[in-house]
């Protein structure tokens, strides 16, 4: 392998290295921006306030932004507005005929939908920036005001800063996707979650030295995390290989087709979208109850929808299963796949082309989605249940581990694909016929 790569042109040899360096460079820019706060706030008080919001929407935003929200930096909203806009765009593609037509027009249509998603991201960031600035301006924590000098000017500056920061993070993600390795938005979330790992290790060691946590609990947490990581790796790589046979065609004296292939359908076709969307919906009652005046209704909402309670877990599992089926039905359409197979003279052995093939694919897809939904629900709920039973604290919940492991696997797949392309080009170059010297064209 080393000999074949050395025979390649210098630009091709360094192509993968440049992609990795581009990715690290853009991620470094993002992590620097996380520590640039917006003026006019008490950074210590606002940091303590957001660190104590682990059970509501602010805590979820803080986790996905890698601590940018507790620093109240220009990147405080992170990629959450873009994720929300992307999900809304995918849902509207099924409902709005114009967007459905664009999705079928190839690259030009996808670029148009991406442009709409960018506009929606900016609009959502402005709305969320206004809500956060209004909430912080009227909130006190430990007897101290979070905002030093509020008013219309501060709110306007905060909204513009958060919207501009979100647009810049969106641009960074697109640059990583285009010039680097892996999906840019996923890697930004990955970097934000992993960046808190040294703090978690240091905090765990401090609790161990001060006898707040014994060695058994530390080993228990580590063992459960390893089991969850192994389970995620096993399930994310699982897929059902459906055999595909191409019919033979004779054109003149030549015979085409007759080959066999496979149609892979992943066990978890929806990815991390169901847990993120279900978790976001469940955090809204807690967030609104925290913003409401203290009364019986707010106490009831806090008690019922507190993470770890049986009703919270039941609703969480139900929402995960619902969004798993819903998102999979959007991402994989059995009717379209069956029609494409029929157009290319392909069929599943033992299944008639057309409607019977679509029914067969839909049946397999439903079973795989059910298995994938149960797997997602178990990964997200089991750490919470064990935390309440054994009185331990999981700094990285099931959703965080799911995102980290899933993004790492996908990034390694792309790196391996680039390496395979280098091998393939080197093989073709070695087997090609060299032109004679001195011959001009």
Protein backbone atom coordinates (compact mmCIF):
# COMPACT_ATOMS: atom_id res chain seq x y z
CA UNK A 1 0.00 0.00 0.00
CA UNK A 2 2.81 2.40 0.89
CA UNK A 3 4.61 1.71 -2.40
CA UNK A 4 1.47 2.29 -4.46
CA UNK A 5 0.64 5.53 -2.72
CA UNK A 6 4.17 6.87 -3.20
CA UNK A 7 3.75 6.45 -6.96
CA UNK A 8 0.80 8.83 -6.94
CA UNK A 9 1.23 12.56 -7.63
CA UNK A 10 2.14 14.57 -4.59
CA UNK A 11 -1.19 16.46 -4.62
CA UNK A 12 -3.18 13.20 -4.51
CA UNK A 13 -1.01 11.77 -1.72
CA UNK A 14 -1.72 14.77 0.51
CA UNK A 15 -5.39 15.02 -0.43
CA UNK A 16 -6.68 13.11 2.61
CA UNK A 17 -4.22 14.86 4.91
CA UNK A 18 -5.44 18.25 3.71
CA UNK A 19 -9.05 17.23 4.34
CA UNK A 20 -8.23 16.20 7.91
CA UNK A 21 -6.27 19.42 8.54
CA UNK A 22 -9.16 21.50 7.14
CA UNK A 23 -11.55 19.71 9.50
CA UNK A 24 -9.33 20.28 12.55
CA UNK A 25 -8.79 23.92 11.58
CA UNK A 26 -12.51 24.72 11.30
CA UNK A 27 -13.29 22.85 14.53
CA UNK A 28 -10.56 24.87 16.29
CA UNK A 29 -12.17 28.09 15.08
CA UNK A 30 -15.49 26.90 16.50
CA UNK A 31 -13.99 26.05 19.88
CA UNK A 32 -12.32 29.48 20.06
CA UNK A 33 -15.64 31.20 19.36
CA UNK A 34 -17.28 29.23 22.18
CA UNK A 35 -15.23 31.25 24.68
CA UNK A 36 -16.05 34.73 23.30
CA UNK A 37 -18.90 36.04 25.51
CA UNK A 38 -21.53 38.59 24.57
CA UNK A 39 -20.98 41.87 26.51
CA UNK A 40 -23.35 43.04 29.20
CA UNK A 41 -23.77 39.86 31.27
CA UNK A 42 -22.37 38.56 34.55
CA UNK A 43 -20.32 35.67 33.16
CA UNK A 44 -19.92 33.93 36.54
CA UNK A 45 -23.62 34.13 37.47
CA UNK A 46 -24.82 33.16 34.00
CA UNK A 47 -22.39 30.23 33.92
CA UNK A 48 -23.71 28.90 37.24
CA UNK A 49 -27.29 29.43 36.04
CA UNK A 50 -26.91 27.37 32.85
CA UNK A 51 -24.87 24.66 34.59
CA UNK A 52 -27.89 24.09 36.84
CA UNK A 53 -30.31 23.75 33.90
CA UNK A 54 -29.56 20.09 33.09
CA UNK A 55 -33.23 19.07 33.12
CA UNK A 56 -34.75 21.48 30.62
CA UNK A 57 -34.26 22.91 27.14
CA UNK A 58 -31.43 25.24 28.23
CA UNK A 59 -29.48 22.24 29.53
CA UNK A 60 -29.94 20.43 26.22
CA UNK A 61 -28.80 23.49 24.25
CA UNK A 62 -25.77 23.81 26.54
CA UNK A 63 -24.82 20.17 26.00
CA UNK A 64 -25.05 20.33 22.19
CA UNK A 65 -23.21 23.66 22.06
CA UNK A 66 -20.27 22.33 24.05
CA UNK A 67 -20.68 24.82 26.91
CA UNK A 68 -21.18 27.83 24.64
CA UNK A 69 -24.50 28.64 26.29
CA UNK A 70 -23.10 28.68 29.82
CA UNK A 71 -20.38 31.04 28.55
CA UNK A 72 -23.13 32.95 26.70
CA UNK A 73 -20.83 33.29 23.73
CA UNK A 74 -21.64 34.36 20.20
CA UNK A 75 -22.02 30.63 19.38
CA UNK A 76 -24.46 30.05 22.26
CA UNK A 77 -27.22 28.67 20.00
CA UNK A 78 -24.81 26.35 18.22
CA UNK A 79 -26.31 24.19 15.48
CA UNK A 80 -29.70 23.68 17.11
CA UNK A 81 -31.49 26.26 14.88
CA UNK A 82 -30.02 24.56 11.80
CA UNK A 83 -31.09 21.12 13.02
CA UNK A 84 -34.61 22.39 13.70
CA UNK A 85 -34.78 24.07 10.29
CA UNK A 86 -33.52 20.92 8.55
CA UNK A 87 -36.12 18.75 10.29
CA UNK A 88 -38.88 21.22 9.44
CA UNK A 89 -37.73 21.31 5.79
CA UNK A 90 -37.76 17.51 5.57
CA UNK A 91 -41.22 17.33 7.08
CA UNK A 92 -42.56 20.03 4.76
CA UNK A 93 -41.11 18.19 1.76
CA UNK A 94 -43.81 15.57 2.23
CA UNK A 95 -46.62 18.12 2.70
CA UNK A 96 -45.77 21.04 0.36
CA UNK A 97 -45.95 20.07 -3.36
CA UNK A 98 -43.39 22.71 -4.40
CA UNK A 99 -40.76 21.34 -2.02
CA UNK A 100 -41.56 17.79 -3.09
CA UNK A 101 -40.96 18.75 -6.74
CA UNK A 102 -37.66 20.41 -5.79
CA UNK A 103 -36.51 17.28 -3.95
CA UNK A 104 -36.97 15.29 -7.18
CA UNK A 105 -35.02 17.72 -9.39
CA UNK A 106 -31.58 16.45 -8.41
CA UNK A 107 -28.73 18.69 -7.27
CA UNK A 108 -30.41 21.94 -8.37
CA UNK A 109 -33.52 21.19 -6.31
CA UNK A 110 -31.48 20.15 -3.26
CA UNK A 111 -29.47 23.36 -3.46
CA UNK A 112 -32.72 25.34 -3.46
CA UNK A 113 -34.02 23.45 -0.41
CA UNK A 114 -30.67 24.04 1.31
CA UNK A 115 -31.04 27.76 0.62
CA UNK A 116 -34.51 27.75 2.19
CA UNK A 117 -33.07 25.89 5.19
CA UNK A 118 -30.45 28.60 5.65
CA UNK A 119 -33.10 31.33 5.66
CA UNK A 120 -35.18 29.34 8.16
CA UNK A 121 -32.09 28.89 10.35
CA UNK A 122 -31.54 32.65 10.57
CA UNK A 123 -35.22 33.25 11.36
CA UNK A 124 -35.22 30.59 14.09
CA UNK A 125 -31.99 31.96 15.58
CA UNK A 126 -33.55 35.45 15.77
CA UNK A 127 -36.64 34.05 17.53
CA UNK A 128 -34.59 31.96 19.94
CA UNK A 129 -32.19 34.84 20.56
CA UNK A 130 -35.10 37.09 21.51
CA UNK A 131 -36.55 34.47 23.87
CA UNK A 132 -33.21 33.84 25.58
CA UNK A 133 -32.37 37.53 25.94
CA UNK A 134 -35.83 38.31 27.32
CA UNK A 135 -35.60 35.41 29.78
CA UNK A 136 -32.11 36.28 31.02
CA UNK A 137 -32.99 39.94 31.45
CA UNK A 138 -35.82 39.06 33.84
CA UNK A 139 -34.00 36.26 35.72
CA UNK A 140 -31.95 36.32 38.90
CA UNK A 141 -29.74 33.54 40.19
CA UNK A 142 -28.47 33.38 43.78
CA UNK A 143 -29.64 36.95 44.31
CA UNK A 144 -27.63 38.36 41.37
CA UNK A 145 -28.90 39.73 38.06
CA UNK A 146 -27.69 37.75 35.07
CA UNK A 147 -27.71 40.86 32.86
CA UNK A 148 -25.73 43.84 34.12
CA UNK A 149 -27.43 46.52 32.03
CA UNK A 150 -30.45 45.38 30.06
CA UNK A 151 -32.80 47.27 27.82
CA UNK A 152 -33.72 47.44 24.16
CA UNK A 153 -30.15 48.14 23.06
CA UNK A 154 -28.76 45.09 24.86
CA UNK A 155 -31.52 42.83 23.54
CA UNK A 156 -30.96 44.04 19.98
CA UNK A 157 -27.20 43.51 20.24
CA UNK A 158 -27.74 40.03 21.73
CA UNK A 159 -30.19 38.98 19.01
CA UNK A 160 -27.86 40.18 16.23
CA UNK A 161 -24.82 38.53 17.86
CA UNK A 162 -26.57 35.17 18.35
CA UNK A 163 -28.01 35.20 14.81
CA UNK A 164 -24.64 36.10 13.30
CA UNK A 165 -22.92 33.44 15.40
CA UNK A 166 -25.41 30.79 14.27
CA UNK A 167 -24.92 31.79 10.63
CA UNK A 168 -21.14 31.55 11.07
CA UNK A 169 -21.42 28.11 12.72
CA UNK A 170 -23.65 27.01 9.83
CA UNK A 171 -20.97 28.24 7.38
CA UNK A 172 -18.28 26.36 9.31
CA UNK A 173 -20.31 23.17 9.13
CA UNK A 174 -20.79 23.52 5.39
CA UNK A 175 -17.07 24.15 4.89
CA UNK A 176 -16.20 21.02 6.86
CA UNK A 177 -18.65 18.98 4.77
CA UNK A 178 -17.30 20.41 1.50
CA UNK A 179 -13.55 20.60 2.19
CA UNK A 180 -13.02 18.33 5.17
CA UNK A 181 -13.95 14.82 6.25
CA UNK A 182 -17.39 13.88 7.58
CA UNK A 183 -20.60 15.79 8.08
CA UNK A 184 -19.82 19.28 9.35
CA UNK A 185 -22.86 19.82 11.59
CA UNK A 186 -22.48 16.39 13.18
CA UNK A 187 -18.78 16.98 13.83
CA UNK A 188 -19.51 20.33 15.49
CA UNK A 189 -21.93 18.62 17.90
CA UNK A 190 -19.36 15.84 18.37
CA UNK A 191 -16.64 18.36 19.22
CA UNK A 192 -18.91 20.17 21.67
CA UNK A 193 -19.75 16.98 23.58
CA UNK A 194 -16.22 15.57 23.58
CA UNK A 195 -14.75 18.93 24.69
CA UNK A 196 -16.45 18.44 28.07
CA UNK A 197 -14.75 15.08 28.64
CA UNK A 198 -11.67 16.52 30.49
CA UNK A 199 -13.99 18.49 32.78
CA UNK A 200 -16.02 15.34 33.50
CA UNK A 201 -12.89 13.31 34.29
CA UNK A 202 -11.55 16.06 36.56
CA UNK A 203 -14.88 16.44 38.35
CA UNK A 204 -15.12 12.66 38.87
CA UNK A 205 -11.61 12.56 40.32
CA UNK A 206 -12.46 15.45 42.66
CA UNK A 207 -15.55 13.63 43.89
CA UNK A 208 -13.48 10.49 44.44
CA UNK A 209 -10.80 12.31 46.45
CA UNK A 210 -13.43 14.10 48.57
CA UNK A 211 -15.25 10.74 49.11
CA UNK A 212 -18.40 11.95 47.41
CA UNK A 213 -18.19 8.98 45.01
CA UNK A 214 -16.61 5.61 45.76
CA UNK A 215 -14.64 3.38 43.43
CA UNK A 216 -17.57 0.98 42.89
CA UNK A 217 -19.78 3.71 41.42
CA UNK A 218 -16.98 4.95 39.16
CA UNK A 219 -16.40 1.42 37.84
CA UNK A 220 -20.16 0.94 37.45
CA UNK A 221 -20.52 4.11 35.37
CA UNK A 222 -17.47 3.22 33.25
CA UNK A 223 -18.74 -0.32 32.65
CA UNK A 224 -22.21 0.84 31.64
CA UNK A 225 -20.73 3.43 29.27
CA UNK A 226 -18.54 0.76 27.65
CA UNK A 227 -21.54 -1.55 27.23
CA UNK A 228 -23.57 1.28 25.68
CA UNK A 229 -20.72 2.17 23.29
CA UNK A 230 -20.36 -1.49 22.24
CA UNK A 231 -24.12 -1.75 21.72
CA UNK A 232 -24.22 1.42 19.63
CA UNK A 233 -21.32 0.22 17.44
CA UNK A 234 -22.98 -3.17 16.96
CA UNK A 235 -26.42 -1.77 16.09
CA UNK A 236 -25.22 1.12 13.93
CA UNK A 237 -23.31 -1.27 11.70
CA UNK A 238 -26.22 -3.70 11.46
CA UNK A 239 -28.11 -3.87 8.17
CA UNK A 240 -30.38 -6.28 6.31
CA UNK A 241 -28.90 -7.29 2.97
CA UNK A 242 -31.75 -7.93 0.52
CA UNK A 243 -30.61 -9.91 -2.56
CA UNK A 244 -31.20 -8.19 -5.91
CA UNK A 245 -31.04 -9.97 -9.28
CA UNK A 246 -30.75 -8.16 -12.62
CA UNK A 247 -32.49 -9.72 -15.60
CA UNK A 248 -30.50 -10.61 -18.71
CA UNK A 249 -30.99 -8.48 -21.82
CA UNK A 250 -29.69 -9.17 -25.31
CA UNK A 251 -28.76 -6.21 -27.49
CA UNK A 252 -27.56 -7.49 -30.85
CA UNK A 253 -25.00 -10.19 -30.13
CA UNK A 254 -24.19 -8.94 -26.64
CA UNK A 255 -25.92 -10.04 -23.42
CA UNK A 256 -26.22 -7.51 -20.59
CA UNK A 257 -27.32 -8.04 -16.99
CA UNK A 258 -27.66 -11.30 -15.16
CA UNK A 259 -25.69 -9.95 -12.22
CA UNK A 260 -26.64 -10.18 -8.55
CA UNK A 261 -26.29 -7.51 -5.88
CA UNK A 262 -27.67 -6.54 -2.48
CA UNK A 263 -29.89 -3.73 -1.21
CA UNK A 264 -28.77 -2.81 2.33
CA UNK A 265 -31.36 -1.48 4.78
CA UNK A 266 -29.92 -0.28 8.09
CA UNK A 267 -31.44 -1.32 11.39
CA UNK A 268 -31.39 2.30 12.54
CA UNK A 269 -32.25 4.23 9.40
CA UNK A 270 -33.39 7.30 11.36
CA UNK A 271 -30.04 7.88 13.10
CA UNK A 272 -30.08 10.22 16.10
CA UNK A 273 -33.02 12.31 14.87
CA UNK A 274 -35.73 10.54 16.98
CA UNK A 275 -33.98 11.00 20.38
CA UNK A 276 -33.06 14.62 19.65
CA UNK A 277 -36.54 15.57 18.46
CA UNK A 278 -38.29 13.63 21.26
CA UNK A 279 -35.99 15.12 23.88
CA UNK A 280 -36.55 18.64 22.55
CA UNK A 281 -40.34 18.26 22.75
CA UNK A 282 -40.15 16.90 26.29
CA UNK A 283 -37.96 19.76 27.48
CA UNK A 284 -40.52 22.42 26.53
CA UNK A 285 -42.87 21.72 29.50
CA UNK A 286 -39.96 21.93 31.95
CA UNK A 287 -38.64 25.11 30.36
CA UNK A 288 -42.03 26.85 30.35
CA UNK A 289 -42.76 25.74 33.93
CA UNK A 290 -39.43 27.22 35.03
CA UNK A 291 -40.29 30.52 33.32
CA UNK A 292 -43.82 30.63 34.78
CA UNK A 293 -44.65 32.04 38.23
CA UNK A 294 -44.44 29.49 41.04
CA UNK A 295 -47.86 27.86 41.36
CA UNK A 296 -49.49 24.43 41.53
CA UNK A 297 -49.46 23.97 37.75
CA UNK A 298 -45.71 24.66 37.47
CA UNK A 299 -45.05 22.29 40.38
CA UNK A 300 -47.15 19.59 38.69
CA UNK A 301 -45.33 19.99 35.36
CA UNK A 302 -41.94 19.89 37.07
CA UNK A 303 -42.86 16.79 39.04
CA UNK A 304 -44.45 14.87 36.15
CA UNK A 305 -41.96 15.70 33.39
CA UNK A 306 -38.81 15.47 35.50
CA UNK A 307 -36.22 13.18 33.84
CA UNK A 308 -36.24 9.78 35.50
CA UNK A 309 -39.92 9.71 36.43
CA UNK A 310 -41.98 6.85 35.00
CA UNK A 311 -44.35 9.13 33.05
CA UNK A 312 -41.41 11.05 31.53
CA UNK A 313 -39.74 7.80 30.45
CA UNK A 314 -43.01 6.41 29.04
CA UNK A 315 -43.66 9.54 26.97
CA UNK A 316 -40.00 9.67 25.93
CA UNK A 317 -40.04 6.08 24.65
CA UNK A 318 -43.35 6.66 22.83
CA UNK A 319 -42.02 9.77 21.09
CA UNK A 320 -38.79 8.00 20.09
CA UNK A 321 -40.76 5.15 18.53
CA UNK A 322 -43.08 7.58 16.74
CA UNK A 323 -40.29 9.69 15.26
CA UNK A 324 -38.31 6.57 14.31
CA UNK A 325 -41.20 5.34 12.15
CA UNK A 326 -42.04 8.83 10.91
CA UNK A 327 -38.52 9.80 9.86
CA UNK A 328 -37.80 6.39 8.33
CA UNK A 329 -40.95 6.65 6.22
CA UNK A 330 -39.63 9.95 4.86
CA UNK A 331 -36.04 8.82 4.30
CA UNK A 332 -36.87 5.43 2.73
CA UNK A 333 -39.89 5.12 0.43
CA UNK A 334 -40.57 1.52 -0.49
CA UNK A 335 -42.75 2.44 -3.49
CA UNK A 336 -39.99 4.55 -5.06
CA UNK A 337 -37.35 1.87 -4.47
CA UNK A 338 -39.57 -0.81 -6.01
CA UNK A 339 -40.27 1.40 -9.04
CA UNK A 340 -36.55 2.10 -9.55
CA UNK A 341 -35.74 -1.60 -9.36
CA UNK A 342 -38.40 -2.31 -11.97
CA UNK A 343 -37.06 0.39 -14.30
CA UNK A 344 -33.57 -1.11 -14.15
CA UNK A 345 -34.86 -4.66 -14.82
CA UNK A 346 -34.00 -5.75 -11.28
CA UNK A 347 -36.06 -7.90 -8.95
CA UNK A 348 -35.93 -9.68 -5.62
CA UNK A 349 -35.77 -13.45 -6.10
CA UNK A 350 -39.15 -15.00 -5.34
CA UNK A 351 -40.96 -11.61 -5.28
CA UNK A 352 -42.84 -10.17 -8.26
CA UNK A 353 -41.74 -6.68 -9.35
CA UNK A 354 -43.95 -3.68 -8.64
CA UNK A 355 -46.52 -3.61 -5.84
CA UNK A 356 -45.48 -6.97 -4.34
CA UNK A 357 -41.87 -5.78 -4.09
CA UNK A 358 -43.00 -2.57 -2.39
CA UNK A 359 -45.05 -4.56 0.12
CA UNK A 360 -42.12 -6.87 0.81
CA UNK A 361 -39.72 -3.97 1.34
CA UNK A 362 -42.20 -2.13 3.57
CA UNK A 363 -42.68 -5.23 5.72
CA UNK A 364 -38.93 -5.61 6.23
CA UNK A 365 -38.56 -1.88 6.87
CA UNK A 366 -41.27 -1.92 9.56
CA UNK A 367 -39.57 -4.78 11.39
CA UNK A 368 -36.16 -3.14 11.23
CA UNK A 369 -37.59 0.21 12.35
CA UNK A 370 -39.29 -1.45 15.32
CA UNK A 371 -35.98 -3.02 16.33
CA UNK A 372 -34.14 0.26 15.78
CA UNK A 373 -36.71 2.22 17.80
CA UNK A 374 -36.46 -0.18 20.74
CA UNK A 375 -32.67 0.08 20.56
CA UNK A 376 -32.77 3.90 20.55
CA UNK A 377 -35.24 3.99 23.46
CA UNK A 378 -33.10 1.58 25.50
CA UNK A 379 -29.91 3.55 24.86
CA UNK A 380 -31.57 6.82 25.92
CA UNK A 381 -33.62 5.59 28.91
CA UNK A 382 -31.42 2.95 30.58
CA UNK A 383 -28.76 5.44 31.85
CA UNK A 384 -31.51 7.60 33.38
CA UNK A 385 -33.14 4.62 35.11
CA UNK A 386 -29.81 3.35 36.45
CA UNK A 387 -28.89 6.84 37.64
CA UNK A 388 -32.02 6.98 39.76
CA UNK A 389 -31.68 3.42 41.06
CA UNK A 390 -28.00 3.45 42.00
CA UNK A 391 -27.83 7.19 42.81
CA UNK A 392 -25.07 7.87 40.29
CA UNK A 393 -24.71 10.75 37.86
CA UNK A 394 -24.15 10.09 34.14
CA UNK A 395 -22.49 13.17 32.69
CA UNK A 396 -22.89 11.70 29.20
CA UNK A 397 -26.39 10.41 28.68
CA UNK A 398 -27.51 7.90 26.11
CA UNK A 399 -28.22 10.58 23.50
CA UNK A 400 -24.72 12.05 23.87
CA UNK A 401 -23.04 8.66 23.57
CA UNK A 402 -25.25 7.83 20.60
CA UNK A 403 -24.20 11.02 18.82
CA UNK A 404 -20.50 10.65 19.65
CA UNK A 405 -20.22 7.00 18.59
CA UNK A 406 -22.43 7.45 15.51
CA UNK A 407 -20.48 10.47 14.24
CA UNK A 408 -17.14 8.77 14.93
CA UNK A 409 -18.20 5.67 12.96
CA UNK A 410 -19.46 7.74 10.02
CA UNK A 411 -16.26 9.83 9.95
CA UNK A 412 -14.07 6.72 9.98
CA UNK A 413 -16.14 5.29 7.13
CA UNK A 414 -15.46 8.37 5.03
CA UNK A 415 -11.75 8.32 5.86
CA UNK A 416 -11.61 4.65 4.86
CA UNK A 417 -13.47 5.47 1.63
CA UNK A 418 -10.83 8.09 0.77
CA UNK A 419 -8.06 5.57 1.48
CA UNK A 420 -9.76 2.99 -0.72
CA UNK A 421 -10.01 5.55 -3.54
CA UNK A 422 -6.26 6.18 -3.26
CA UNK A 423 -5.60 2.44 -3.50
CA UNK A 424 -7.93 2.14 -6.49
CA UNK A 425 -6.29 5.03 -8.35
CA UNK A 426 -2.85 3.63 -7.60
CA UNK A 427 -3.91 0.23 -8.95
CA UNK A 428 -5.29 1.78 -12.14
CA UNK A 429 -2.15 3.84 -12.59
CA UNK A 430 0.07 0.77 -12.26
CA UNK A 431 -2.03 -1.18 -14.77
CA UNK A 432 -2.35 1.56 -17.36
CA UNK A 433 -0.41 1.53 -20.65
CA UNK A 434 2.26 4.19 -20.75
CA UNK A 435 2.52 6.25 -23.95
CA UNK A 436 5.69 6.04 -26.03
CA UNK A 437 8.33 8.62 -25.37
CA UNK A 438 8.77 11.43 -27.85
CA UNK A 439 5.36 11.08 -29.41
CA UNK A 440 3.36 14.28 -29.74
CA UNK A 441 -0.40 14.61 -29.88
